[in-house]
Amino acid sequence: MASVFDGLTLQGPAAVVVEALGTTATGIALLLGFILLRRTLRSRYFKRLNRRTREIRENWHLIVSGGIPSESWFFDRLDRPIVEGIILDRLEVAEPEEAHLLQERLRNSGLLDKRIREVRRFRGWQRRQAILALGRMRIAESIPALADALHDPDEETAVDAVRGLGRIGSPEAAKPILDRLAQGPSKCPPQTLQSALLNCFQHNASLLLADLKRHHESLRPILARVLAEAADENLQGDLLELASDLSAEVRASSARALAVARPPYALTALSRLATDEEWFVRLRAIVALGELKTRRAIPLLIEGLRDANRYVRLRAASALASFEGEEEKIFYLTRQTDDRYALQALVSEMQRSGRISELVNALADPQRRELAEPALLEALRCGSQRILIDLLLHHRNWRTRGLLARLVAQSGDKRFLEQLEQVELNLLSWRQRRVLRWLIHRLRISQESQRPHLEVLAS
């Protein structure tokens, strides 16, 4: 018997469309169900993780001291990463005594051995995770495993091994890195390599100096840069050989090391490097001479003011400006060079560092005035009009203001007169206006007296 619903049965293309819509709806429903199930499971996981983390924190002292056996958490897949993460985070900020206790717990619990096995067995991201964990542990027993990872064909894994050895921070950890570099060029970024070696030789610069002389020429520039960073006053060894090295990079680094180590021959070696053929070697030598803070370096720095390279001149001027109480002597010796560029560089740096005001203060001292006056005149001629006007109007000592006004009046400087005429007199006190008018009058008289002489010279 025929049914009344037989007419509603779809046939042909319409049936295919309905079937596709039903399949799509079923797939969407399954996907939403999977997402909800996953969110539920992860929510339960994180709740459990937070609960276990709190419980481990509450019993942390017992875990570290061994009051709670390692077996109770080491074989638990949830507890072990929590304990290891807390120990590694704490090692970053722990004092030496606490760090030693935490490292002993890493050894006794088996976490150290587990990570070493992972470095030797696994590949890819699992090996990289184990390498980074060993580096954070900073335990010497992990050096052989990290040394093997230096030869990994994956470049990122080898770089992580360099970082791990650098974090251990001992000369023994640096040896595998140097051996790997001696075998051929490495794709490790230079900054990463230099940072790792620096951590290893931070307190053993003398050992690095001895190693540097034995290694191949291709490694010497990198090791020399590390030595310059790690050098201290206790550096033992002869730096003269590095100061005469064929590589300009090594010579430049030796200049930095000489400034820190300060051996008896430092000034002699730096004086030779200050005349090197490479401009950056001269630059490092000039900076090192300034760091020595010895008056015997002043003539060498003044020669640096005459260097052909602009950066060398600027650093020489900066070093000279750092000598307190020697401003008059420095200006006098610079004037003797008859080099206008040297004077301009010096005056510019003196003005920037505030040393011009020290020269103005020297006017009040009869013993320093004889050298301070010509130095200030040179500063005036080289463009220090604005700062001298400010000191002339606002210096705390009225006697010094008077001496400076007389000195400027005797100079007859035309540019100083032009600057004074642009000063707004309405903004000054009556005493300042009086001094300013007197000074402008004297400078105009000086200009008029010089005019016939200039006309005779012109004719």
Protein backbone atom coordinates (compact mmCIF):
# COMPACT_ATOMS: atom_id res chain seq x y z
CA MET A 1 0.00 0.00 0.00
CA ALA A 2 1.45 3.38 -0.92
CA SER A 3 2.36 5.83 1.89
CA VAL A 4 1.40 9.49 1.96
CA PHE A 5 5.09 10.32 2.64
CA ASP A 6 6.29 8.77 -0.60
CA GLY A 7 5.88 12.12 -2.29
CA LEU A 8 8.31 13.75 0.17
CA THR A 9 11.21 11.43 -0.66
CA LEU A 10 13.98 13.39 -2.38
CA GLN A 11 15.61 12.00 -5.43
CA GLY A 12 18.38 13.08 -7.74
CA PRO A 13 20.64 16.11 -6.92
CA ALA A 14 18.49 17.22 -3.99
CA ALA A 15 19.25 14.02 -2.12
CA VAL A 16 22.98 14.60 -2.55
CA VAL A 17 22.68 18.13 -1.14
CA VAL A 18 20.74 16.95 1.88
CA GLU A 19 23.23 14.17 2.53
CA ALA A 20 26.15 16.68 2.30
CA LEU A 21 24.44 19.04 4.74
CA GLY A 22 23.84 16.20 7.15
CA THR A 23 27.47 15.11 6.94
CA THR A 24 28.68 18.68 7.50
CA ALA A 25 26.43 19.16 10.51
CA THR A 26 27.63 15.88 11.96
CA GLY A 27 31.29 16.91 11.43
CA ILE A 28 30.72 20.30 13.08
CA ALA A 29 28.99 18.64 16.02
CA LEU A 30 31.88 16.19 16.44
CA LEU A 31 34.44 19.02 16.23
CA LEU A 32 32.59 21.08 18.84
CA GLY A 33 32.35 18.03 21.03
CA PHE A 34 36.10 17.41 20.70
CA ILE A 35 36.89 21.04 21.56
CA LEU A 36 34.65 20.97 24.62
CA LEU A 37 36.09 17.64 25.74
CA ARG A 38 39.64 18.92 25.26
CA ARG A 39 38.92 22.11 27.19
CA THR A 40 37.40 20.08 30.00
CA LEU A 41 40.36 17.72 30.18
CA ARG A 42 42.90 20.56 30.07
CA SER A 43 40.99 22.48 32.71
CA ARG A 44 41.15 19.44 34.99
CA TYR A 45 44.86 19.02 34.15
CA PHE A 46 45.73 22.61 35.04
CA LYS A 47 43.71 22.44 38.24
CA ARG A 48 45.65 19.33 39.23
CA LEU A 49 48.93 20.97 38.16
CA ASN A 50 48.24 24.06 40.28
CA ARG A 51 47.25 21.92 43.24
CA ARG A 52 50.43 19.83 43.01
CA THR A 53 52.57 22.94 42.56
CA ARG A 54 51.12 24.45 45.73
CA GLU A 55 51.68 21.22 47.65
CA ILE A 56 55.29 21.00 46.43
CA ARG A 57 55.90 24.64 47.38
CA GLU A 58 54.57 24.00 50.86
CA ASN A 59 57.00 21.08 51.31
CA TRP A 60 59.88 22.63 49.37
CA HIS A 61 62.40 22.68 52.21
CA LEU A 62 61.82 18.99 52.87
CA ILE A 63 62.25 18.17 49.18
CA VAL A 64 65.52 20.10 48.91
CA SER A 65 66.95 18.81 52.18
CA GLY A 66 66.01 15.20 51.38
CA GLY A 67 63.34 14.91 54.08
CA ILE A 68 60.94 13.79 51.36
CA PRO A 69 62.54 10.98 49.30
CA SER A 70 63.20 11.69 45.64
CA GLU A 71 61.26 8.54 44.66
CA SER A 72 58.03 10.18 45.78
CA TRP A 73 58.18 12.77 42.98
CA PHE A 74 60.87 11.67 40.49
CA PHE A 75 58.75 8.88 38.90
CA ASP A 76 55.62 11.01 38.76
CA ARG A 77 55.17 12.53 35.29
CA LEU A 78 53.45 15.59 36.78
CA ASP A 79 55.63 16.21 39.85
CA ARG A 80 59.07 15.79 38.25
CA PRO A 81 58.80 18.75 35.79
CA ILE A 82 57.44 20.93 38.60
CA VAL A 83 60.36 20.18 40.93
CA GLU A 84 62.94 20.54 38.16
CA GLY A 85 61.48 23.87 37.00
CA ILE A 86 61.49 25.30 40.53
CA ILE A 87 65.09 24.20 41.11
CA LEU A 88 66.30 25.69 37.81
CA ASP A 89 64.45 28.97 38.41
CA ARG A 90 65.88 29.20 41.91
CA LEU A 91 69.42 28.59 40.64
CA GLU A 92 69.20 31.80 38.62
CA VAL A 93 69.04 33.96 41.76
CA ALA A 94 70.43 31.71 44.51
CA GLU A 95 73.41 32.58 46.68
CA PRO A 96 76.48 30.28 46.37
CA GLU A 97 75.58 28.23 49.44
CA GLU A 98 71.99 27.65 48.32
CA ALA A 99 73.10 27.00 44.73
CA HIS A 100 75.46 24.27 45.93
CA LEU A 101 72.62 22.62 47.88
CA LEU A 102 70.29 22.72 44.84
CA GLN A 103 72.95 21.26 42.56
CA GLU A 104 73.49 18.41 45.01
CA ARG A 105 69.76 17.71 44.92
CA LEU A 106 69.91 17.60 41.11
CA ARG A 107 72.70 15.02 41.33
CA ASN A 108 71.22 12.86 44.07
CA SER A 109 67.69 12.81 42.68
CA GLY A 110 68.76 11.60 39.24
CA LEU A 111 67.55 14.68 37.32
CA LEU A 112 71.09 15.43 36.12
CA ASP A 113 71.65 11.89 34.80
CA LYS A 114 68.23 11.85 33.15
CA ARG A 115 69.00 15.04 31.19
CA ILE A 116 72.43 13.76 30.19
CA ARG A 117 70.85 10.57 28.79
CA GLU A 118 68.30 12.64 26.86
CA VAL A 119 71.07 14.72 25.27
CA ARG A 120 72.85 11.58 24.10
CA ARG A 121 69.77 9.61 22.98
CA PHE A 122 67.28 12.07 21.57
CA ARG A 123 67.32 14.34 18.52
CA GLY A 124 65.47 17.50 17.55
CA TRP A 125 63.50 19.57 20.02
CA GLN A 126 63.78 16.98 22.81
CA ARG A 127 67.56 17.16 22.66
CA ARG A 128 67.45 20.95 22.61
CA GLN A 129 65.26 21.01 25.73
CA ALA A 130 67.68 18.69 27.55
CA ILE A 131 70.67 20.86 26.47
CA LEU A 132 69.06 24.04 27.78
CA ALA A 133 68.19 22.31 31.07
CA LEU A 134 71.78 21.09 31.52
CA GLY A 135 73.07 24.59 30.87
CA ARG A 136 70.79 26.04 33.53
CA MET A 137 71.99 23.41 36.01
CA ARG A 138 75.58 24.72 35.70
CA ILE A 139 77.11 21.42 36.77
CA ALA A 140 80.52 20.36 35.45
CA GLU A 141 79.45 16.72 34.95
CA SER A 142 77.33 17.77 31.98
CA ILE A 143 80.30 19.13 29.97
CA PRO A 144 81.01 15.87 28.03
CA ALA A 145 77.38 15.54 26.91
CA LEU A 146 77.21 19.19 25.84
CA ALA A 147 80.55 18.79 24.03
CA ASP A 148 79.04 15.95 21.97
CA ALA A 149 76.09 18.18 21.08
CA LEU A 150 78.47 20.74 19.54
CA HIS A 151 78.84 18.37 16.57
CA ASP A 152 75.10 18.00 15.99
CA PRO A 153 74.21 18.51 12.29
CA ASP A 154 71.34 20.78 13.33
CA GLU A 155 72.67 24.33 13.61
CA GLU A 156 70.24 25.45 16.34
CA THR A 157 71.14 22.45 18.50
CA ALA A 158 74.86 23.25 18.21
CA VAL A 159 74.19 26.88 19.15
CA ASP A 160 72.21 25.74 22.21
CA ALA A 161 75.16 23.55 23.19
CA VAL A 162 77.44 26.62 23.05
CA ARG A 163 75.00 28.54 25.25
CA GLY A 164 74.81 25.62 27.68
CA LEU A 165 78.58 25.37 28.03
CA GLY A 166 78.77 29.13 28.48
CA ARG A 167 76.28 29.03 31.34
CA ILE A 168 78.41 26.49 33.19
CA GLY A 169 81.01 29.26 33.31
CA SER A 170 84.33 27.47 33.81
CA PRO A 171 87.50 27.19 31.72
CA GLU A 172 86.84 23.44 31.39
CA ALA A 173 83.55 24.23 29.65
CA ALA A 174 85.32 26.56 27.21
CA LYS A 175 87.79 23.89 26.06
CA PRO A 176 85.23 21.93 23.92
CA ILE A 177 84.14 25.20 22.29
CA LEU A 178 87.71 26.12 21.39
CA ASP A 179 88.40 22.60 20.12
CA ARG A 180 85.32 22.78 17.91
CA LEU A 181 86.39 26.16 16.50
CA ALA A 182 89.87 24.82 15.81
CA GLN A 183 88.37 22.11 13.60
CA GLY A 184 86.77 24.59 11.22
CA PRO A 185 84.40 27.55 10.93
CA SER A 186 81.24 27.46 13.01
CA LYS A 187 77.80 28.85 12.15
CA CYS A 188 77.31 30.00 15.73
CA PRO A 189 76.64 33.79 15.87
CA PRO A 190 79.78 35.67 16.98
CA GLN A 191 77.95 37.44 19.81
CA THR A 192 76.69 34.14 21.23
CA LEU A 193 80.14 32.60 20.96
CA GLN A 194 81.82 35.60 22.55
CA SER A 195 79.27 35.73 25.38
CA ALA A 196 79.77 32.02 26.15
CA LEU A 197 83.55 32.32 26.26
CA LEU A 198 83.32 35.43 28.38
CA ASN A 199 81.22 33.60 30.98
CA CYS A 200 83.79 30.81 31.05
CA PHE A 201 86.79 33.12 31.52
CA GLN A 202 85.12 35.87 33.54
CA HIS A 203 87.34 35.27 36.56
CA ASN A 204 90.18 33.42 34.78
CA ALA A 205 91.47 35.94 32.25
CA SER A 206 95.05 34.82 32.83
CA LEU A 207 94.21 31.31 31.55
CA LEU A 208 92.63 32.82 28.45
CA LEU A 209 95.75 34.90 27.79
CA ALA A 210 97.87 31.75 27.92
CA ASP A 211 95.45 29.91 25.59
CA LEU A 212 95.27 32.82 23.18
CA LYS A 213 98.96 32.61 22.33
CA ARG A 214 98.66 28.92 21.45
CA HIS A 215 95.64 28.98 19.17
CA HIS A 216 95.43 29.48 15.43
CA GLU A 217 95.39 32.96 13.95
CA SER A 218 91.73 32.63 12.95
CA LEU A 219 90.70 32.27 16.61
CA ARG A 220 92.93 35.00 17.99
CA PRO A 221 90.61 37.98 17.20
CA ILE A 222 87.64 36.34 18.98
CA LEU A 223 89.72 35.33 21.98
CA ALA A 224 91.32 38.76 22.13
CA ARG A 225 87.90 40.43 22.29
CA VAL A 226 86.90 38.08 25.10
CA LEU A 227 90.15 38.85 26.91
CA ALA A 228 89.47 42.59 26.66
CA GLU A 229 86.08 42.06 28.32
CA ALA A 230 87.31 39.63 30.99
CA ALA A 231 90.54 41.46 31.90
CA ASP A 232 90.97 42.78 35.43
CA GLU A 233 93.74 44.17 37.61
CA ASN A 234 94.85 40.63 38.51
CA LEU A 235 95.58 39.65 34.92
CA GLN A 236 98.88 37.78 34.79
CA GLY A 237 100.84 37.53 31.56
CA ASP A 238 102.63 39.55 28.93
CA LEU A 239 100.33 41.74 26.84
CA LEU A 240 103.16 43.23 24.78
CA GLU A 241 103.02 40.32 22.36
CA LEU A 242 99.37 41.04 21.66
CA ALA A 243 100.07 44.75 21.24
CA SER A 244 102.42 43.90 18.36
CA ASP A 245 100.24 41.18 16.79
CA LEU A 246 99.78 41.10 13.02
CA SER A 247 95.98 41.26 13.41
CA ALA A 248 94.57 44.73 13.92
CA GLU A 249 91.64 43.25 15.88
CA VAL A 250 94.05 41.69 18.36
CA ARG A 251 96.00 44.94 18.74
CA ALA A 252 92.78 46.89 19.38
CA SER A 253 91.66 44.38 22.00
CA SER A 254 95.07 44.48 23.67
CA ALA A 255 94.63 48.25 24.13
CA ARG A 256 91.42 47.65 26.08
CA ALA A 257 93.07 44.96 28.20
CA LEU A 258 96.04 47.23 28.96
CA ALA A 259 93.73 49.94 30.29
CA VAL A 260 92.16 47.50 32.76
CA ALA A 261 95.18 45.40 33.76
CA ARG A 262 97.46 48.48 34.08
CA PRO A 263 100.83 46.73 33.89
CA PRO A 264 103.95 48.91 34.37
CA TYR A 265 104.51 49.09 30.62
CA ALA A 266 100.89 50.08 29.81
CA LEU A 267 101.68 53.70 28.91
CA THR A 268 104.57 52.72 26.63
CA ALA A 269 102.53 50.09 24.81
CA LEU A 270 99.53 52.40 24.39
CA SER A 271 101.70 55.22 23.09
CA ARG A 272 102.81 52.91 20.29
CA LEU A 273 99.25 51.75 19.58
CA ALA A 274 98.11 55.39 19.44
CA THR A 275 100.15 55.77 16.24
CA ASP A 276 98.97 52.51 14.64
CA GLU A 277 98.14 52.48 10.95
CA GLU A 278 94.55 51.29 11.61
CA TRP A 279 92.21 54.01 12.81
CA PHE A 280 90.16 51.77 15.15
CA VAL A 281 93.37 50.60 16.86
CA ARG A 282 94.30 54.24 17.47
CA LEU A 283 90.74 54.86 18.71
CA ARG A 284 90.96 52.04 21.27
CA ALA A 285 94.40 53.24 22.36
CA ILE A 286 93.17 56.81 22.88
CA VAL A 287 90.22 55.58 24.93
CA ALA A 288 92.55 53.40 26.99
CA LEU A 289 94.90 56.33 27.61
CA GLY A 290 91.98 58.32 28.93
CA GLU A 291 91.01 55.47 31.27
CA LEU A 292 94.53 55.36 32.74
CA LYS A 293 93.92 58.81 34.29
CA THR A 294 97.60 59.65 34.39
CA ARG A 295 98.97 63.09 33.59
CA ARG A 296 101.77 61.56 31.54
CA ALA A 297 99.14 60.59 28.96
CA ILE A 298 98.11 64.21 28.30
CA PRO A 299 100.73 64.87 25.54
CA LEU A 300 99.72 61.63 23.82
CA LEU A 301 96.06 62.61 23.95
CA ILE A 302 96.85 66.03 22.53
CA GLU A 303 98.53 64.30 19.61
CA GLY A 304 95.30 62.35 19.25
CA LEU A 305 93.51 65.67 18.75
CA ARG A 306 95.46 66.01 15.51
CA ASP A 307 94.56 62.56 14.19
CA ALA A 308 93.28 62.23 10.64
CA ASN A 309 90.19 60.33 11.83
CA ARG A 310 87.33 62.35 13.27
CA TYR A 311 86.30 59.72 15.83
CA VAL A 312 89.82 59.55 17.22
CA ARG A 313 89.88 63.33 17.64
CA LEU A 314 86.54 63.35 19.44
CA ARG A 315 87.54 60.59 21.87
CA ALA A 316 90.87 62.32 22.53
CA ALA A 317 89.00 65.52 23.36
CA SER A 318 86.63 63.60 25.62
CA ALA A 319 89.56 61.99 27.45
CA LEU A 320 91.30 65.36 27.92
CA ALA A 321 88.13 66.93 29.28
CA SER A 322 88.04 64.29 32.04
CA PHE A 323 91.27 65.58 33.64
CA GLU A 324 90.15 67.80 36.50
CA GLY A 325 92.39 70.72 37.41
CA GLU A 326 94.48 70.37 34.24
CA GLU A 327 92.37 72.55 31.94
CA GLU A 328 94.88 75.39 31.69
CA LYS A 329 97.79 73.07 30.94
CA ILE A 330 95.78 71.20 28.31
CA PHE A 331 94.77 74.42 26.55
CA TYR A 332 98.35 75.69 26.64
CA LEU A 333 99.77 72.51 25.10
CA THR A 334 97.01 72.41 22.50
CA ARG A 335 97.74 75.99 21.46
CA GLN A 336 101.36 75.05 20.93
CA THR A 337 100.32 72.63 18.18
CA ASP A 338 98.99 75.50 16.01
CA ASP A 339 96.20 73.18 14.89
CA ARG A 340 92.86 74.96 14.64
CA TYR A 341 90.91 71.71 14.29
CA ALA A 342 92.49 70.34 17.47
CA LEU A 343 91.51 73.49 19.36
CA GLN A 344 87.95 73.37 18.08
CA ALA A 345 87.53 69.73 19.07
CA LEU A 346 88.91 70.44 22.54
CA VAL A 347 86.79 73.54 23.11
CA SER A 348 83.65 71.77 21.92
CA GLU A 349 84.19 68.90 24.36
CA MET A 350 85.18 71.24 27.19
CA GLN A 351 81.99 73.16 26.62
CA ARG A 352 79.86 70.02 26.52
CA SER A 353 81.37 68.58 29.71
CA GLY A 354 81.23 71.84 31.67
CA ARG A 355 84.98 72.38 31.91
CA ILE A 356 84.67 75.94 30.59
CA SER A 357 83.05 76.92 33.87
CA GLU A 358 86.05 75.41 35.69
CA LEU A 359 88.33 77.70 33.70
CA VAL A 360 86.18 80.68 34.68
CA ASN A 361 86.45 79.63 38.33
CA ALA A 362 90.24 79.53 37.92
CA LEU A 363 90.24 83.30 37.30
CA ALA A 364 89.66 83.84 41.02
CA ASP A 365 92.86 81.92 41.84
CA PRO A 366 95.96 84.10 41.28
CA GLN A 367 98.13 80.99 40.79
CA ARG A 368 95.91 79.60 38.02
CA ARG A 369 94.84 82.87 36.42
CA GLU A 370 97.93 83.23 34.23
CA LEU A 371 97.12 80.02 32.35
CA ALA A 372 93.33 80.29 32.58
CA GLU A 373 93.12 83.64 30.79
CA PRO A 374 94.70 82.54 27.48
CA ALA A 375 92.71 79.30 27.65
CA LEU A 376 89.46 81.23 27.96
CA LEU A 377 90.46 83.52 25.11
CA GLU A 378 91.04 80.49 22.91
CA ALA A 379 87.68 79.10 23.97
CA LEU A 380 86.12 82.45 23.07
CA ARG A 381 87.71 82.46 19.62
CA CYS A 382 86.57 78.86 19.00
CA GLY A 383 82.88 79.55 19.60
CA SER A 384 82.15 79.55 23.35
CA GLN A 385 80.42 82.93 23.33
CA ARG A 386 77.04 81.75 24.62
CA ILE A 387 78.32 79.84 27.64
CA LEU A 388 80.66 82.69 28.57
CA ILE A 389 77.79 85.18 28.37
CA ASP A 390 75.75 82.96 30.67
CA LEU A 391 78.63 82.75 33.15
CA LEU A 392 79.21 86.47 32.85
CA LEU A 393 75.61 87.16 33.89
CA HIS A 394 74.86 84.35 36.34
CA HIS A 395 78.10 83.21 37.98
CA ARG A 396 77.70 82.93 41.74
CA ASN A 397 80.87 84.97 42.50
CA TRP A 398 80.64 88.65 41.58
CA ARG A 399 84.43 89.02 41.61
CA THR A 400 84.75 86.22 39.06
CA ARG A 401 82.11 87.92 36.90
CA GLY A 402 84.14 91.11 36.99
CA LEU A 403 87.39 89.38 36.05
CA LEU A 404 85.66 87.59 33.18
CA ALA A 405 84.15 90.87 31.94
CA ARG A 406 87.57 92.57 31.92
CA LEU A 407 89.11 89.62 30.10
CA VAL A 408 86.41 89.67 27.41
CA ALA A 409 86.70 93.45 27.07
CA GLN A 410 90.42 93.12 26.38
CA SER A 411 89.79 90.47 23.71
CA GLY A 412 87.89 92.79 21.36
CA ASP A 413 86.07 89.77 19.92
CA LYS A 414 83.56 90.88 17.27
CA ARG A 415 81.38 87.78 17.52
CA PHE A 416 81.07 88.21 21.29
CA LEU A 417 79.93 91.80 20.74
CA GLU A 418 77.27 90.61 18.28
CA GLN A 419 76.04 88.05 20.78
CA LEU A 420 75.86 90.64 23.55
CA GLU A 421 73.82 93.02 21.39
CA GLN A 422 71.20 90.30 20.90
CA VAL A 423 70.66 89.82 24.65
CA GLU A 424 67.31 91.16 25.86
CA LEU A 425 68.20 93.79 28.44
CA ASN A 426 64.64 93.93 29.76
CA LEU A 427 65.00 90.41 31.14
CA LEU A 428 68.06 91.28 33.25
CA SER A 429 68.55 92.95 36.62
CA TRP A 430 69.87 96.51 36.81
CA ARG A 431 73.30 95.26 37.87
CA GLN A 432 73.49 92.86 34.92
CA ARG A 433 72.37 95.59 32.51
CA ARG A 434 75.05 97.88 33.88
CA VAL A 435 77.79 95.31 33.35
CA LEU A 436 76.49 94.47 29.89
CA ARG A 437 76.37 98.09 28.74
CA TRP A 438 79.89 98.68 30.04
CA LEU A 439 81.18 95.59 28.25
CA ILE A 440 79.44 96.48 24.97
CA HIS A 441 80.92 99.98 25.18
CA ARG A 442 84.44 98.65 25.75
CA LEU A 443 84.16 96.14 22.92
CA ARG A 444 82.99 98.84 20.50
CA ILE A 445 85.91 101.03 21.49
CA SER A 446 88.24 98.10 20.90
CA GLN A 447 86.66 97.48 17.50
CA GLU A 448 87.06 101.13 16.48
CA SER A 449 90.68 101.20 17.59
CA GLN A 450 91.42 98.11 15.53
CA ARG A 451 89.72 99.43 12.38
CA PRO A 452 92.52 101.82 11.22
CA HIS A 453 95.06 99.08 11.75
CA LEU A 454 93.01 96.70 9.61
CA GLU A 455 92.62 99.34 6.88
CA VAL A 456 96.40 99.83 6.75
CA LEU A 457 96.89 96.09 6.43
CA ALA A 458 94.29 95.92 3.67
CA SER A 459 95.97 98.74 1.69
